[in-house]
Amino acid sequence: MVYRQGDVSLHKIKSLPKDLKPAKDNVLAYGEITGHRHFLNTSEQVVFADRNGDKFVELKQDVELVHSGPDLIPVYDVETATRNDKHLTFAVEKGIYKIEYEQEFSPFDETVVQVTD
């Protein structure tokens, strides 16, 4: 099972790796230019990180994945999403996920880097 919102995707895995630490919040990604963010709408701490900076999520119940501007207001309708260039909010089923980020290849220096937006 894979959930995708913009350049962030959640890939279902069987178990959490060992030696994880709680992330500072439940934000999966920050928009470097516009200030938007992708976050899990829950008061529980569900995002964890390993020593390499990889992030994982453990959801004990279904949780909303929200994409919002700096105002942190979830978007539920297509018209607002289209007008404001925001992705729709949707539910992610309970489970354990690894968070992946879209990458791109730079032909100039032949490296793979995380997409910024």
PDB file of N, CA and C in Angstrom:
ATOM      1  N   MET A   1       0.850  -1.169   0.000  1.00  0.00           N
ATOM      2  CA  MET A   1       0.000   0.000   0.000  1.00  0.00           C
ATOM      3  C   MET A   1       0.901   1.239   0.000  1.00  0.00           C
ATOM      4  N   VAL A   2       0.605   2.170  -0.897  1.00  0.00           N
ATOM      5  CA  VAL A   2       1.359   3.420  -0.978  1.00  0.00           C
ATOM      6  C   VAL A   2       0.370   4.582  -1.031  1.00  0.00           C
ATOM      7  N   TYR A   3       0.629   5.607  -0.229  1.00  0.00           N
ATOM      8  CA  TYR A   3      -0.127   6.860  -0.272  1.00  0.00           C
ATOM      9  C   TYR A   3       0.814   7.934  -0.781  1.00  0.00           C
ATOM     10  N   ARG A   4       0.300   8.807  -1.641  1.00  0.00           N
ATOM     11  CA  ARG A   4       1.142   9.860  -2.201  1.00  0.00           C
ATOM     12  C   ARG A   4       0.398  11.195  -2.149  1.00  0.00           C
ATOM     13  N   GLN A   5       1.126  12.220  -1.724  1.00  0.00           N
ATOM     14  CA  GLN A   5       0.604  13.578  -1.712  1.00  0.00           C
ATOM     15  C   GLN A   5       1.747  14.489  -2.140  1.00  0.00           C
ATOM     16  N   GLY A   6       1.659  14.985  -3.379  1.00  0.00           N
ATOM     17  CA  GLY A   6       2.739  15.808  -3.896  1.00  0.00           C
ATOM     18  C   GLY A   6       4.019  15.012  -3.998  1.00  0.00           C
ATOM     19  N   ASP A   7       5.105  15.545  -3.434  1.00  0.00           N
ATOM     20  CA  ASP A   7       6.395  14.863  -3.513  1.00  0.00           C
ATOM     21  C   ASP A   7       6.683  13.971  -2.308  1.00  0.00           C
ATOM     22  N   VAL A   8       5.648  13.694  -1.490  1.00  0.00           N
ATOM     23  CA  VAL A   8       5.781  12.841  -0.315  1.00  0.00           C
ATOM     24  C   VAL A   8       4.966  11.566  -0.538  1.00  0.00           C
ATOM     25  N   SER A   9       5.548  10.430  -0.185  1.00  0.00           N
ATOM     26  CA  SER A   9       4.786   9.182  -0.264  1.00  0.00           C
ATOM     27  C   SER A   9       5.035   8.339   0.983  1.00  0.00           C
ATOM     28  N   LEU A  10       4.018   7.590   1.385  1.00  0.00           N
ATOM     29  CA  LEU A  10       4.092   6.686   2.528  1.00  0.00           C
ATOM     30  C   LEU A  10       3.982   5.264   1.996  1.00  0.00           C
ATOM     31  N   HIS A  11       4.973   4.442   2.315  1.00  0.00           N
ATOM     32  CA  HIS A  11       5.035   3.060   1.845  1.00  0.00           C
ATOM     33  C   HIS A  11       4.861   2.128   3.035  1.00  0.00           C
ATOM     34  N   LYS A  12       3.830   1.287   2.992  1.00  0.00           N
ATOM     35  CA  LYS A  12       3.543   0.390   4.110  1.00  0.00           C
ATOM     36  C   LYS A  12       4.666  -0.638   4.264  1.00  0.00           C
ATOM     37  N   ILE A  13       5.111  -0.818   5.517  1.00  0.00           N
ATOM     38  CA  ILE A  13       6.143  -1.796   5.843  1.00  0.00           C
ATOM     39  C   ILE A  13       5.636  -2.669   6.991  1.00  0.00           C
ATOM     40  N   LYS A  14       6.328  -3.771   7.264  1.00  0.00           N
ATOM     41  CA  LYS A  14       5.856  -4.727   8.265  1.00  0.00           C
ATOM     42  C   LYS A  14       6.161  -4.305   9.698  1.00  0.00           C
ATOM     43  N   SER A  15       7.321  -3.666   9.917  1.00  0.00           N
ATOM     44  CA  SER A  15       7.686  -3.289  11.284  1.00  0.00           C
ATOM     45  C   SER A  15       8.627  -2.092  11.257  1.00  0.00           C
ATOM     46  N   LEU A  16       8.678  -1.411  12.384  1.00  0.00           N
ATOM     47  CA  LEU A  16       9.586  -0.267  12.518  1.00  0.00           C
ATOM     48  C   LEU A  16      11.015  -0.753  12.721  1.00  0.00           C
ATOM     49  N   PRO A  17      11.976  -0.059  12.140  1.00  0.00           N
ATOM     50  CA  PRO A  17      13.380  -0.382  12.422  1.00  0.00           C
ATOM     51  C   PRO A  17      13.691  -0.090  13.890  1.00  0.00           C
ATOM     52  N   LYS A  18      14.796  -0.628  14.359  1.00  0.00           N
ATOM     53  CA  LYS A  18      15.213  -0.374  15.742  1.00  0.00           C
ATOM     54  C   LYS A  18      15.926   0.967  15.837  1.00  0.00           C
ATOM     55  N   ASP A  19      16.075   1.448  17.059  1.00  0.00           N
ATOM     56  CA  ASP A  19      16.825   2.671  17.362  1.00  0.00           C
ATOM     57  C   ASP A  19      16.233   3.921  16.720  1.00  0.00           C
ATOM     58  N   LEU A  20      14.909   4.041  16.720  1.00  0.00           N
ATOM     59  CA  LEU A  20      14.263   5.258  16.215  1.00  0.00           C
ATOM     60  C   LEU A  20      14.047   6.234  17.350  1.00  0.00           C
ATOM     61  N   LYS A  21      14.015   7.503  16.998  1.00  0.00           N
ATOM     62  CA  LYS A  21      13.723   8.554  17.966  1.00  0.00           C
ATOM     63  C   LYS A  21      12.511   9.334  17.455  1.00  0.00           C
ATOM     64  N   PRO A  22      11.690   9.866  18.362  1.00  0.00           N
ATOM     65  CA  PRO A  22      10.560  10.680  17.905  1.00  0.00           C
ATOM     66  C   PRO A  22      11.063  11.890  17.113  1.00  0.00           C
ATOM     67  N   ALA A  23      10.398  12.189  16.008  1.00  0.00           N
ATOM     68  CA  ALA A  23      10.719  13.398  15.258  1.00  0.00           C
ATOM     69  C   ALA A  23      10.210  14.593  16.056  1.00  0.00           C
ATOM     70  N   LYS A  24      10.595  15.804  15.649  1.00  0.00           N
ATOM     71  CA  LYS A  24      10.195  16.986  16.433  1.00  0.00           C
ATOM     72  C   LYS A  24       8.707  17.262  16.337  1.00  0.00           C
ATOM     73  N   ASP A  25       8.055  16.778  15.263  1.00  0.00           N
ATOM     74  CA  ASP A  25       6.615  16.970  15.101  1.00  0.00           C
ATOM     75  C   ASP A  25       6.095  15.955  14.090  1.00  0.00           C
ATOM     76  N   ASN A  26       4.843  16.064  13.714  1.00  0.00           N
ATOM     77  CA  ASN A  26       4.244  15.140  12.757  1.00  0.00           C
ATOM     78  C   ASN A  26       4.229  15.698  11.340  1.00  0.00           C
ATOM     79  N   VAL A  27       5.105  16.648  11.066  1.00  0.00           N
ATOM     80  CA  VAL A  27       5.233  17.191   9.715  1.00  0.00           C
ATOM     81  C   VAL A  27       6.122  16.262   8.905  1.00  0.00           C
ATOM     82  N   LEU A  28       5.614  15.847   7.740  1.00  0.00           N
ATOM     83  CA  LEU A  28       6.384  14.949   6.880  1.00  0.00           C
ATOM     84  C   LEU A  28       7.323  15.716   5.973  1.00  0.00           C
ATOM     85  N   ALA A  29       6.894  16.916   5.543  1.00  0.00           N
ATOM     86  CA  ALA A  29       7.735  17.731   4.654  1.00  0.00           C
ATOM     87  C   ALA A  29       7.292  19.181   4.721  1.00  0.00           C
ATOM     88  N   TYR A  30       8.262  20.073   4.644  1.00  0.00           N
ATOM     89  CA  TYR A  30       8.021  21.517   4.585  1.00  0.00           C
ATOM     90  C   TYR A  30       8.313  22.005   3.178  1.00  0.00           C
ATOM     91  N   GLY A  31       7.488  22.909   2.668  1.00  0.00           N
ATOM     92  CA  GLY A  31       7.756  23.543   1.379  1.00  0.00           C
ATOM     93  C   GLY A  31       8.787  24.632   1.582  1.00  0.00           C
ATOM     94  N   GLU A  32       9.921  24.487   0.945  1.00  0.00           N
ATOM     95  CA  GLU A  32      11.027  25.419   1.151  1.00  0.00           C
ATOM     96  C   GLU A  32      10.719  26.816   0.627  1.00  0.00           C
ATOM     97  N   ILE A  33       9.897  26.909  -0.412  1.00  0.00           N
ATOM     98  CA  ILE A  33       9.636  28.205  -1.039  1.00  0.00           C
ATOM     99  C   ILE A  33       8.341  28.837  -0.542  1.00  0.00           C
ATOM    100  N   THR A  34       7.251  28.047  -0.515  1.00  0.00           N
ATOM    101  CA  THR A  34       5.934  28.618  -0.201  1.00  0.00           C
ATOM    102  C   THR A  34       5.560  28.543   1.265  1.00  0.00           C
ATOM    103  N   GLY A  35       6.257  27.732   2.051  1.00  0.00           N
ATOM    104  CA  GLY A  35       5.913  27.588   3.461  1.00  0.00           C
ATOM    105  C   GLY A  35       4.817  26.563   3.707  1.00  0.00           C
ATOM    106  N   HIS A  36       4.402  25.857   2.662  1.00  0.00           N
ATOM    107  CA  HIS A  36       3.374  24.834   2.875  1.00  0.00           C
ATOM    108  C   HIS A  36       3.984  23.646   3.609  1.00  0.00           C
ATOM    109  N   ARG A  37       3.138  22.740   4.026  1.00  0.00           N
ATOM    110  CA  ARG A  37       3.629  21.541   4.687  1.00  0.00           C
ATOM    111  C   ARG A  37       2.668  20.376   4.502  1.00  0.00           C
ATOM    112  N   HIS A  38       3.228  19.186   4.582  1.00  0.00           N
ATOM    113  CA  HIS A  38       2.469  17.943   4.579  1.00  0.00           C
ATOM    114  C   HIS A  38       2.575  17.418   6.007  1.00  0.00           C
ATOM    115  N   PHE A  39       1.429  17.211   6.671  1.00  0.00           N
ATOM    116  CA  PHE A  39       1.505  16.742   8.050  1.00  0.00           C
ATOM    117  C   PHE A  39       0.366  15.790   8.373  1.00  0.00           C
ATOM    118  N   LEU A  40       0.561  14.998   9.412  1.00  0.00           N
ATOM    119  CA  LEU A  40      -0.453  14.066   9.882  1.00  0.00           C
ATOM    120  C   LEU A  40      -1.246  14.747  10.991  1.00  0.00           C
ATOM    121  N   ASN A  41      -2.556  14.778  10.815  1.00  0.00           N
ATOM    122  CA  ASN A  41      -3.450  15.520  11.698  1.00  0.00           C
ATOM    123  C   ASN A  41      -3.826  14.667  12.913  1.00  0.00           C
ATOM    124  N   THR A  42      -2.917  14.621  13.874  1.00  0.00           N
ATOM    125  CA  THR A  42      -3.144  13.872  15.107  1.00  0.00           C
ATOM    126  C   THR A  42      -2.379  14.543  16.236  1.00  0.00           C
ATOM    127  N   SER A  43      -2.897  14.388  17.440  1.00  0.00           N
ATOM    128  CA  SER A  43      -2.203  14.966  18.597  1.00  0.00           C
ATOM    129  C   SER A  43      -1.153  13.993  19.140  1.00  0.00           C
ATOM    130  N   GLU A  44      -1.201  12.735  18.712  1.00  0.00           N
ATOM    131  CA  GLU A  44      -0.208  11.754  19.152  1.00  0.00           C
ATOM    132  C   GLU A  44       1.069  11.883  18.324  1.00  0.00           C
ATOM    133  N   GLN A  45       2.189  11.559  18.922  1.00  0.00           N
ATOM    134  CA  GLN A  45       3.455  11.530  18.187  1.00  0.00           C
ATOM    135  C   GLN A  45       3.489  10.258  17.361  1.00  0.00           C
ATOM    136  N   VAL A  46       3.543  10.379  16.036  1.00  0.00           N
ATOM    137  CA  VAL A  46       3.516   9.201  15.174  1.00  0.00           C
ATOM    138  C   VAL A  46       4.693   9.151  14.208  1.00  0.00           C
ATOM    139  N   VAL A  47       5.464  10.235  14.099  1.00  0.00           N
ATOM    140  CA  VAL A  47       6.597  10.268  13.172  1.00  0.00           C
ATOM    141  C   VAL A  47       7.888  10.038  13.949  1.00  0.00           C
ATOM    142  N   PHE A  48       8.732   9.132  13.414  1.00  0.00           N
ATOM    143  CA  PHE A  48      10.009   8.799  14.028  1.00  0.00           C
ATOM    144  C   PHE A  48      11.111   8.905  12.984  1.00  0.00           C
ATOM    145  N   ALA A  49      12.333   9.089  13.442  1.00  0.00           N
ATOM    146  CA  ALA A  49      13.473   9.202  12.521  1.00  0.00           C
ATOM    147  C   ALA A  49      14.596   8.293  12.987  1.00  0.00           C
ATOM    148  N   ASP A  50      15.373   7.801  12.020  1.00  0.00           N
ATOM    149  CA  ASP A  50      16.540   7.004  12.371  1.00  0.00           C
ATOM    150  C   ASP A  50      17.788   7.876  12.301  1.00  0.00           C
ATOM    151  N   ARG A  51      18.931   7.282  12.520  1.00  0.00           N
ATOM    152  CA  ARG A  51      20.195   8.031  12.542  1.00  0.00           C
ATOM    153  C   ARG A  51      20.528   8.675  11.200  1.00  0.00           C
ATOM    154  N   ASN A  52      20.024   8.101  10.114  1.00  0.00           N
ATOM    155  CA  ASN A  52      20.299   8.634   8.776  1.00  0.00           C
ATOM    156  C   ASN A  52      19.325   9.732   8.357  1.00  0.00           C
ATOM    157  N   GLY A  53      18.325  10.012   9.212  1.00  0.00           N
ATOM    158  CA  GLY A  53      17.334  11.023   8.869  1.00  0.00           C
ATOM    159  C   GLY A  53      16.126  10.464   8.145  1.00  0.00           C
ATOM    160  N   ASP A  54      16.104   9.136   7.892  1.00  0.00           N
ATOM    161  CA  ASP A  54      14.914   8.532   7.291  1.00  0.00           C
ATOM    162  C   ASP A  54      13.774   8.604   8.290  1.00  0.00           C
ATOM    163  N   LYS A  55      12.558   8.834   7.779  1.00  0.00           N
ATOM    164  CA  LYS A  55      11.398   8.974   8.660  1.00  0.00           C
ATOM    165  C   LYS A  55      10.442   7.798   8.487  1.00  0.00           C
ATOM    166  N   PHE A  56       9.781   7.472   9.594  1.00  0.00           N
ATOM    167  CA  PHE A  56       8.817   6.388   9.644  1.00  0.00           C
ATOM    168  C   PHE A  56       7.600   6.852  10.428  1.00  0.00           C
ATOM    169  N   VAL A  57       6.464   6.219  10.151  1.00  0.00           N
ATOM    170  CA  VAL A  57       5.218   6.587  10.808  1.00  0.00           C
ATOM    171  C   VAL A  57       4.561   5.325  11.346  1.00  0.00           C
ATOM    172  N   GLU A  58       4.105   5.388  12.589  1.00  0.00           N
ATOM    173  CA  GLU A  58       3.297   4.302  13.139  1.00  0.00           C
ATOM    174  C   GLU A  58       1.930   4.871  13.487  1.00  0.00           C
ATOM    175  N   LEU A  59       0.912   4.427  12.749  1.00  0.00           N
ATOM    176  CA  LEU A  59      -0.453   4.897  12.956  1.00  0.00           C
ATOM    177  C   LEU A  59      -1.267   3.797  13.625  1.00  0.00           C
ATOM    178  N   LYS A  60      -1.775   4.082  14.810  1.00  0.00           N
ATOM    179  CA  LYS A  60      -2.584   3.097  15.533  1.00  0.00           C
ATOM    180  C   LYS A  60      -4.056   3.208  15.166  1.00  0.00           C
ATOM    181  N   GLN A  61      -4.381   4.235  14.390  1.00  0.00           N
ATOM    182  CA  GLN A  61      -5.731   4.428  13.853  1.00  0.00           C
ATOM    183  C   GLN A  61      -5.608   5.212  12.554  1.00  0.00           C
ATOM    184  N   ASP A  62      -6.688   5.267  11.772  1.00  0.00           N
ATOM    185  CA  ASP A  62      -6.662   6.063  10.549  1.00  0.00           C
ATOM    186  C   ASP A  62      -6.428   7.531  10.901  1.00  0.00           C
ATOM    187  N   VAL A  63      -5.589   8.214  10.113  1.00  0.00           N
ATOM    188  CA  VAL A  63      -5.224   9.614  10.378  1.00  0.00           C
ATOM    189  C   VAL A  63      -5.269  10.383   9.067  1.00  0.00           C
ATOM    190  N   GLU A  64      -5.646  11.655   9.131  1.00  0.00           N
ATOM    191  CA  GLU A  64      -5.660  12.500   7.944  1.00  0.00           C
ATOM    192  C   GLU A  64      -4.252  12.950   7.571  1.00  0.00           C
ATOM    193  N   LEU A  65      -3.936  12.861   6.282  1.00  0.00           N
ATOM    194  CA  LEU A  65      -2.716  13.451   5.737  1.00  0.00           C
ATOM    195  C   LEU A  65      -3.129  14.774   5.117  1.00  0.00           C
ATOM    196  N   VAL A  66      -2.597  15.861   5.663  1.00  0.00           N
ATOM    197  CA  VAL A  66      -3.012  17.208   5.293  1.00  0.00           C
ATOM    198  C   VAL A  66      -1.893  17.909   4.537  1.00  0.00           C
ATOM    199  N   HIS A  67      -2.268  18.646   3.507  1.00  0.00           N
ATOM    200  CA  HIS A  67      -1.342  19.546   2.810  1.00  0.00           C
ATOM    201  C   HIS A  67      -1.927  20.930   2.985  1.00  0.00           C
ATOM    202  N   SER A  68      -1.170  21.841   3.541  1.00  0.00           N
ATOM    203  CA  SER A  68      -1.697  23.188   3.775  1.00  0.00           C
ATOM    204  C   SER A  68      -0.629  24.227   3.534  1.00  0.00           C
ATOM    205  N   GLY A  69      -1.084  25.449   3.459  1.00  0.00           N
ATOM    206  CA  GLY A  69      -0.164  26.569   3.412  1.00  0.00           C
ATOM    207  C   GLY A  69       0.327  26.845   4.819  1.00  0.00           C
ATOM    208  N   PRO A  70       0.977  27.965   5.014  1.00  0.00           N
ATOM    209  CA  PRO A  70       1.484  28.307   6.347  1.00  0.00           C
ATOM    210  C   PRO A  70       0.370  28.428   7.394  1.00  0.00           C
ATOM    211  N   ASP A  71      -0.898  28.567   6.926  1.00  0.00           N
ATOM    212  CA  ASP A  71      -2.030  28.720   7.831  1.00  0.00           C
ATOM    213  C   ASP A  71      -2.435  27.420   8.523  1.00  0.00           C
ATOM    214  N   LEU A  72      -1.925  26.272   8.054  1.00  0.00           N
ATOM    215  CA  LEU A  72      -2.219  24.950   8.589  1.00  0.00           C
ATOM    216  C   LEU A  72      -3.696  24.559   8.484  1.00  0.00           C
ATOM    217  N   ILE A  73      -4.433  25.183   7.592  1.00  0.00           N
ATOM    218  CA  ILE A  73      -5.848  24.857   7.400  1.00  0.00           C
ATOM    219  C   ILE A  73      -5.953  23.732   6.365  1.00  0.00           C
ATOM    220  N   PRO A  74      -6.542  22.589   6.746  1.00  0.00           N
ATOM    221  CA  PRO A  74      -6.689  21.480   5.799  1.00  0.00           C
ATOM    222  C   PRO A  74      -7.581  21.847   4.619  1.00  0.00           C
ATOM    223  N   VAL A  75      -7.323  21.239   3.478  1.00  0.00           N
ATOM    224  CA  VAL A  75      -8.120  21.456   2.269  1.00  0.00           C
ATOM    225  C   VAL A  75      -8.910  20.188   1.987  1.00  0.00           C
ATOM    226  N   TYR A  76     -10.256  20.342   1.913  1.00  0.00           N
ATOM    227  CA  TYR A  76     -11.120  19.189   1.701  1.00  0.00           C
ATOM    228  C   TYR A  76     -11.844  19.210   0.360  1.00  0.00           C
ATOM    229  N   ASP A  77     -11.824  20.324  -0.360  1.00  0.00           N
ATOM    230  CA  ASP A  77     -12.569  20.367  -1.616  1.00  0.00           C
ATOM    231  C   ASP A  77     -11.649  20.680  -2.791  1.00  0.00           C
ATOM    232  N   VAL A  78     -11.995  20.111  -3.939  1.00  0.00           N
ATOM    233  CA  VAL A  78     -11.164  20.207  -5.136  1.00  0.00           C
ATOM    234  C   VAL A  78     -11.006  21.650  -5.595  1.00  0.00           C
ATOM    235  N   GLU A  79     -12.059  22.458  -5.508  1.00  0.00           N
ATOM    236  CA  GLU A  79     -11.989  23.849  -5.976  1.00  0.00           C
ATOM    237  C   GLU A  79     -10.925  24.636  -5.209  1.00  0.00           C
ATOM    238  N   THR A  80     -10.925  24.525  -3.891  1.00  0.00           N
ATOM    239  CA  THR A  80      -9.925  25.226  -3.082  1.00  0.00           C
ATOM    240  C   THR A  80      -8.537  24.686  -3.377  1.00  0.00           C
ATOM    241  N   ALA A  81      -8.425  23.376  -3.511  1.00  0.00           N
ATOM    242  CA  ALA A  81      -7.120  22.767  -3.799  1.00  0.00           C
ATOM    243  C   ALA A  81      -6.562  23.292  -5.113  1.00  0.00           C
ATOM    244  N   THR A  82      -7.397  23.349  -6.134  1.00  0.00           N
ATOM    245  CA  THR A  82      -6.949  23.817  -7.446  1.00  0.00           C
ATOM    246  C   THR A  82      -6.607  25.304  -7.414  1.00  0.00           C
ATOM    247  N   ARG A  83      -7.450  26.099  -6.799  1.00  0.00           N
ATOM    248  CA  ARG A  83      -7.249  27.550  -6.762  1.00  0.00           C
ATOM    249  C   ARG A  83      -5.985  27.914  -5.976  1.00  0.00           C
ATOM    250  N   ASN A  84      -5.721  27.189  -4.911  1.00  0.00           N
ATOM    251  CA  ASN A  84      -4.588  27.523  -4.042  1.00  0.00           C
ATOM    252  C   ASN A  84      -3.388  26.596  -4.227  1.00  0.00           C
ATOM    253  N   ASP A  85      -3.435  25.750  -5.251  1.00  0.00           N
ATOM    254  CA  ASP A  85      -2.351  24.815  -5.518  1.00  0.00           C
ATOM    255  C   ASP A  85      -2.023  23.968  -4.289  1.00  0.00           C
ATOM    256  N   LYS A  86      -3.064  23.443  -3.662  1.00  0.00           N
ATOM    257  CA  LYS A  86      -2.908  22.572  -2.498  1.00  0.00           C
ATOM    258  C   LYS A  86      -3.494  21.204  -2.828  1.00  0.00           C
ATOM    259  N   HIS A  87      -2.967  20.184  -2.208  1.00  0.00           N
ATOM    260  CA  HIS A  87      -3.477  18.828  -2.390  1.00  0.00           C
ATOM    261  C   HIS A  87      -4.612  18.579  -1.414  1.00  0.00           C
ATOM    262  N   LEU A  88      -5.518  17.699  -1.798  1.00  0.00           N
ATOM    263  CA  LEU A  88      -6.633  17.359  -0.928  1.00  0.00           C
ATOM    264  C   LEU A  88      -6.162  16.587   0.302  1.00  0.00           C
ATOM    265  N   THR A  89      -6.875  16.789   1.410  1.00  0.00           N
ATOM    266  CA  THR A  89      -6.674  16.024   2.625  1.00  0.00           C
ATOM    267  C   THR A  89      -7.337  14.665   2.441  1.00  0.00           C
ATOM    268  N   PHE A  90      -6.689  13.603   2.896  1.00  0.00           N
ATOM    269  CA  PHE A  90      -7.310  12.282   2.822  1.00  0.00           C
ATOM    270  C   PHE A  90      -6.825  11.423   3.986  1.00  0.00           C
ATOM    271  N   ALA A  91      -7.554  10.330   4.238  1.00  0.00           N
ATOM    272  CA  ALA A  91      -7.233   9.447   5.363  1.00  0.00           C
ATOM    273  C   ALA A  91      -6.183   8.418   4.962  1.00  0.00           C
ATOM    274  N   VAL A  92      -5.268   8.161   5.881  1.00  0.00           N
ATOM    275  CA  VAL A  92      -4.276   7.107   5.734  1.00  0.00           C
ATOM    276  C   VAL A  92      -4.659   6.020   6.741  1.00  0.00           C
ATOM    277  N   GLU A  93      -4.747   4.782   6.272  1.00  0.00           N
ATOM    278  CA  GLU A  93      -5.127   3.671   7.138  1.00  0.00           C
ATOM    279  C   GLU A  93      -4.060   3.389   8.191  1.00  0.00           C
ATOM    280  N   LYS A  94      -4.520   2.898   9.338  1.00  0.00           N
ATOM    281  CA  LYS A  94      -3.569   2.545  10.395  1.00  0.00           C
ATOM    282  C   LYS A  94      -2.557   1.549   9.858  1.00  0.00           C
ATOM    283  N   GLY A  95      -1.352   1.642  10.399  1.00  0.00           N
ATOM    284  CA  GLY A  95      -0.282   0.772   9.959  1.00  0.00           C
ATOM    285  C   GLY A  95       1.063   1.430  10.171  1.00  0.00           C
ATOM    286  N   ILE A  96       2.095   0.797   9.654  1.00  0.00           N
ATOM    287  CA  ILE A  96       3.463   1.305   9.770  1.00  0.00           C
ATOM    288  C   ILE A  96       3.953   1.635   8.369  1.00  0.00           C
ATOM    289  N   TYR A  97       4.548   2.824   8.211  1.00  0.00           N
ATOM    290  CA  TYR A  97       4.956   3.310   6.897  1.00  0.00           C
ATOM    291  C   TYR A  97       6.354   3.910   6.946  1.00  0.00           C
ATOM    292  N   LYS A  98       7.055   3.777   5.837  1.00  0.00           N
ATOM    293  CA  LYS A  98       8.298   4.523   5.632  1.00  0.00           C
ATOM    294  C   LYS A  98       7.944   5.719   4.760  1.00  0.00           C
ATOM    295  N   ILE A  99       8.472   6.876   5.104  1.00  0.00           N
ATOM    296  CA  ILE A  99       8.202   8.098   4.353  1.00  0.00           C
ATOM    297  C   ILE A  99       9.296   8.267   3.303  1.00  0.00           C
ATOM    298  N   GLU A 100       8.900   8.432   2.069  1.00  0.00           N
ATOM    299  CA  GLU A 100       9.831   8.634   0.964  1.00  0.00           C
ATOM    300  C   GLU A 100       9.569  10.008   0.345  1.00  0.00           C
ATOM    301  N   TYR A 101      10.597  10.572  -0.247  1.00  0.00           N
ATOM    302  CA  TYR A 101      10.501  11.888  -0.876  1.00  0.00           C
ATOM    303  C   TYR A 101      10.940  11.780  -2.328  1.00  0.00           C
ATOM    304  N   GLU A 102      10.213  12.470  -3.198  1.00  0.00           N
ATOM    305  CA  GLU A 102      10.553  12.450  -4.616  1.00  0.00           C
ATOM    306  C   GLU A 102      11.966  12.974  -4.812  1.00  0.00           C
ATOM    307  N   GLN A 103      12.688  12.323  -5.717  1.00  0.00           N
ATOM    308  CA  GLN A 103      14.055  12.731  -6.009  1.00  0.00           C
ATOM    309  C   GLN A 103      14.196  13.033  -7.493  1.00  0.00           C
ATOM    310  N   GLU A 104      15.232  13.767  -7.814  1.00  0.00           N
ATOM    311  CA  GLU A 104      15.511  14.061  -9.213  1.00  0.00           C
ATOM    312  C   GLU A 104      17.010  13.934  -9.468  1.00  0.00           C
ATOM    313  N   PHE A 105      17.338  13.639 -10.709  1.00  0.00           N
ATOM    314  CA  PHE A 105      18.728  13.486 -11.110  1.00  0.00           C
ATOM    315  C   PHE A 105      19.217  14.796 -11.706  1.00  0.00           C
ATOM    316  N   SER A 106      20.361  15.266 -11.249  1.00  0.00           N
ATOM    317  CA  SER A 106      20.970  16.469 -11.798  1.00  0.00           C
ATOM    318  C   SER A 106      22.028  16.048 -12.815  1.00  0.00           C
ATOM    319  N   PRO A 107      21.798  16.309 -14.099  1.00  0.00           N
ATOM    320  CA  PRO A 107      22.772  15.900 -15.104  1.00  0.00           C
ATOM    321  C   PRO A 107      24.071  16.717 -15.064  1.00  0.00           C
ATOM    322  N   PHE A 108      24.026  17.874 -14.417  1.00  0.00           N
ATOM    323  CA  PHE A 108      25.205  18.746 -14.380  1.00  0.00           C
ATOM    324  C   PHE A 108      26.303  18.195 -13.479  1.00  0.00           C
ATOM    325  N   ASP A 109      25.898  17.729 -12.293  1.00  0.00           N
ATOM    326  CA  ASP A 109      26.905  17.162 -11.400  1.00  0.00           C
ATOM    327  C   ASP A 109      26.680  15.665 -11.149  1.00  0.00           C
ATOM    328  N   GLU A 110      25.733  15.087 -11.897  1.00  0.00           N
ATOM    329  CA  GLU A 110      25.439  13.656 -11.854  1.00  0.00           C
ATOM    330  C   GLU A 110      25.154  13.157 -10.439  1.00  0.00           C
ATOM    331  N   THR A 111      24.265  13.869  -9.741  1.00  0.00           N
ATOM    332  CA  THR A 111      23.852  13.471  -8.403  1.00  0.00           C
ATOM    333  C   THR A 111      22.323  13.333  -8.363  1.00  0.00           C
ATOM    334  N   VAL A 112      21.865  12.610  -7.376  1.00  0.00           N
ATOM    335  CA  VAL A 112      20.437  12.480  -7.119  1.00  0.00           C
ATOM    336  C   VAL A 112      20.147  13.303  -5.866  1.00  0.00           C
ATOM    337  N   VAL A 113      19.164  14.210  -5.960  1.00  0.00           N
ATOM    338  CA  VAL A 113      18.832  15.091  -4.850  1.00  0.00           C
ATOM    339  C   VAL A 113      17.335  15.060  -4.601  1.00  0.00           C
ATOM    340  N   GLN A 114      16.953  15.386  -3.359  1.00  0.00           N
ATOM    341  CA  GLN A 114      15.539  15.475  -3.016  1.00  0.00           C
ATOM    342  C   GLN A 114      14.935  16.680  -3.710  1.00  0.00           C
ATOM    343  N   VAL A 115      13.706  16.517  -4.214  1.00  0.00           N
ATOM    344  CA  VAL A 115      13.013  17.614  -4.878  1.00  0.00           C
ATOM    345  C   VAL A 115      12.687  18.700  -3.856  1.00  0.00           C
ATOM    346  N   THR A 116      12.889  19.950  -4.229  1.00  0.00           N
ATOM    347  CA  THR A 116      12.486  21.083  -3.384  1.00  0.00           C
ATOM    348  C   THR A 116      11.353  21.819  -4.077  1.00  0.00           C
ATOM    349  N   ASP A 117      10.428  22.328  -3.261  1.00  0.00           N
ATOM    350  CA  ASP A 117       9.337  23.124  -3.844  1.00  0.00           C
ATOM    351  C   ASP A 117       8.866  24.205  -2.923  1.00  0.00           C
TER     352      ASP A 117
END
